[in-house]
Amino acid sequence: MKKRRKSKELKESEDDLMFYLENWKKFPNHFQNIAKKEIEALENKIKNN
């Protein structure tokens, strides 16, 4: 069985998601709300691919 390659866009989405999750506690409170929305959007994007 062939292993599927990840698309460049999917890889970038995963990298962005990891950045947000790794640096969550360093963000100021007002930015955490924005980051939370970004995390949810990235998770949905990754799940749908």
C-alpha atoms as a PDB file:
ATOM      1  CA  MET A   1       0.000   0.000   0.000  1.00  0.00           C
ATOM      2  CA  LYS A   2       1.355   3.404  -0.972  1.00  0.00           C
ATOM      3  CA  LYS A   3       1.836   6.007   1.686  1.00  0.00           C
ATOM      4  CA  ARG A   4       0.071   9.223   0.715  1.00  0.00           C
ATOM      5  CA  ARG A   5       2.162  12.342   0.686  1.00  0.00           C
ATOM      6  CA  LYS A   6       0.837  15.272   2.607  1.00  0.00           C
ATOM      7  CA  SER A   7       0.052  18.278   0.524  1.00  0.00           C
ATOM      8  CA  LYS A   8       2.058  21.404   1.163  1.00  0.00           C
ATOM      9  CA  GLU A   9      -1.064  23.200   2.382  1.00  0.00           C
ATOM     10  CA  LEU A  10      -1.888  20.420   4.861  1.00  0.00           C
ATOM     11  CA  LYS A  11       1.681  20.394   6.172  1.00  0.00           C
ATOM     12  CA  GLU A  12       1.574  24.173   6.677  1.00  0.00           C
ATOM     13  CA  SER A  13      -1.741  23.863   8.520  1.00  0.00           C
ATOM     14  CA  GLU A  14      -0.285  21.229  10.830  1.00  0.00           C
ATOM     15  CA  ASP A  15       2.771  23.404  11.486  1.00  0.00           C
ATOM     16  CA  ASP A  16       0.562  26.393  12.296  1.00  0.00           C
ATOM     17  CA  LEU A  17      -1.560  24.294  14.639  1.00  0.00           C
ATOM     18  CA  MET A  18       1.529  23.024  16.461  1.00  0.00           C
ATOM     19  CA  PHE A  19       2.784  26.600  16.863  1.00  0.00           C
ATOM     20  CA  TYR A  20      -0.485  27.699  18.476  1.00  0.00           C
ATOM     21  CA  LEU A  21      -0.631  24.685  20.782  1.00  0.00           C
ATOM     22  CA  GLU A  22       3.016  24.915  21.858  1.00  0.00           C
ATOM     23  CA  ASN A  23       2.843  28.645  22.619  1.00  0.00           C
ATOM     24  CA  TRP A  24      -0.684  28.824  24.047  1.00  0.00           C
ATOM     25  CA  LYS A  25       0.330  29.913  27.570  1.00  0.00           C
ATOM     26  CA  LYS A  26       2.698  32.595  26.292  1.00  0.00           C
ATOM     27  CA  PHE A  27      -0.085  34.471  24.495  1.00  0.00           C
ATOM     28  CA  PRO A  28      -1.793  37.415  26.210  1.00  0.00           C
ATOM     29  CA  ASN A  29      -5.443  36.767  27.131  1.00  0.00           C
ATOM     30  CA  HIS A  30      -6.905  38.838  24.304  1.00  0.00           C
ATOM     31  CA  PHE A  31      -4.814  36.935  21.766  1.00  0.00           C
ATOM     32  CA  GLN A  32      -5.827  33.566  23.230  1.00  0.00           C
ATOM     33  CA  ASN A  33      -9.391  34.156  22.002  1.00  0.00           C
ATOM     34  CA  ILE A  34      -8.127  34.754  18.473  1.00  0.00           C
ATOM     35  CA  ALA A  35      -5.770  31.782  18.722  1.00  0.00           C
ATOM     36  CA  LYS A  36      -8.626  29.555  19.907  1.00  0.00           C
ATOM     37  CA  LYS A  37     -10.615  30.382  16.771  1.00  0.00           C
ATOM     38  CA  GLU A  38      -7.552  29.732  14.603  1.00  0.00           C
ATOM     39  CA  ILE A  39      -6.945  26.391  16.330  1.00  0.00           C
ATOM     40  CA  GLU A  40     -10.540  25.296  15.716  1.00  0.00           C
ATOM     41  CA  ALA A  41     -10.353  26.347  12.064  1.00  0.00           C
ATOM     42  CA  LEU A  42      -7.046  24.539  11.533  1.00  0.00           C
ATOM     43  CA  GLU A  43      -8.318  21.369  13.232  1.00  0.00           C
ATOM     44  CA  ASN A  44     -11.364  21.332  10.955  1.00  0.00           C
ATOM     45  CA  LYS A  45      -9.198  21.945   7.893  1.00  0.00           C
ATOM     46  CA  ILE A  46      -6.876  19.068   8.811  1.00  0.00           C
ATOM     47  CA  LYS A  47      -9.780  16.701   9.577  1.00  0.00           C
ATOM     48  CA  ASN A  48     -11.418  17.416   6.222  1.00  0.00           C
ATOM     49  CA  ASN A  49      -8.285  16.578   4.230  1.00  0.00           C
END
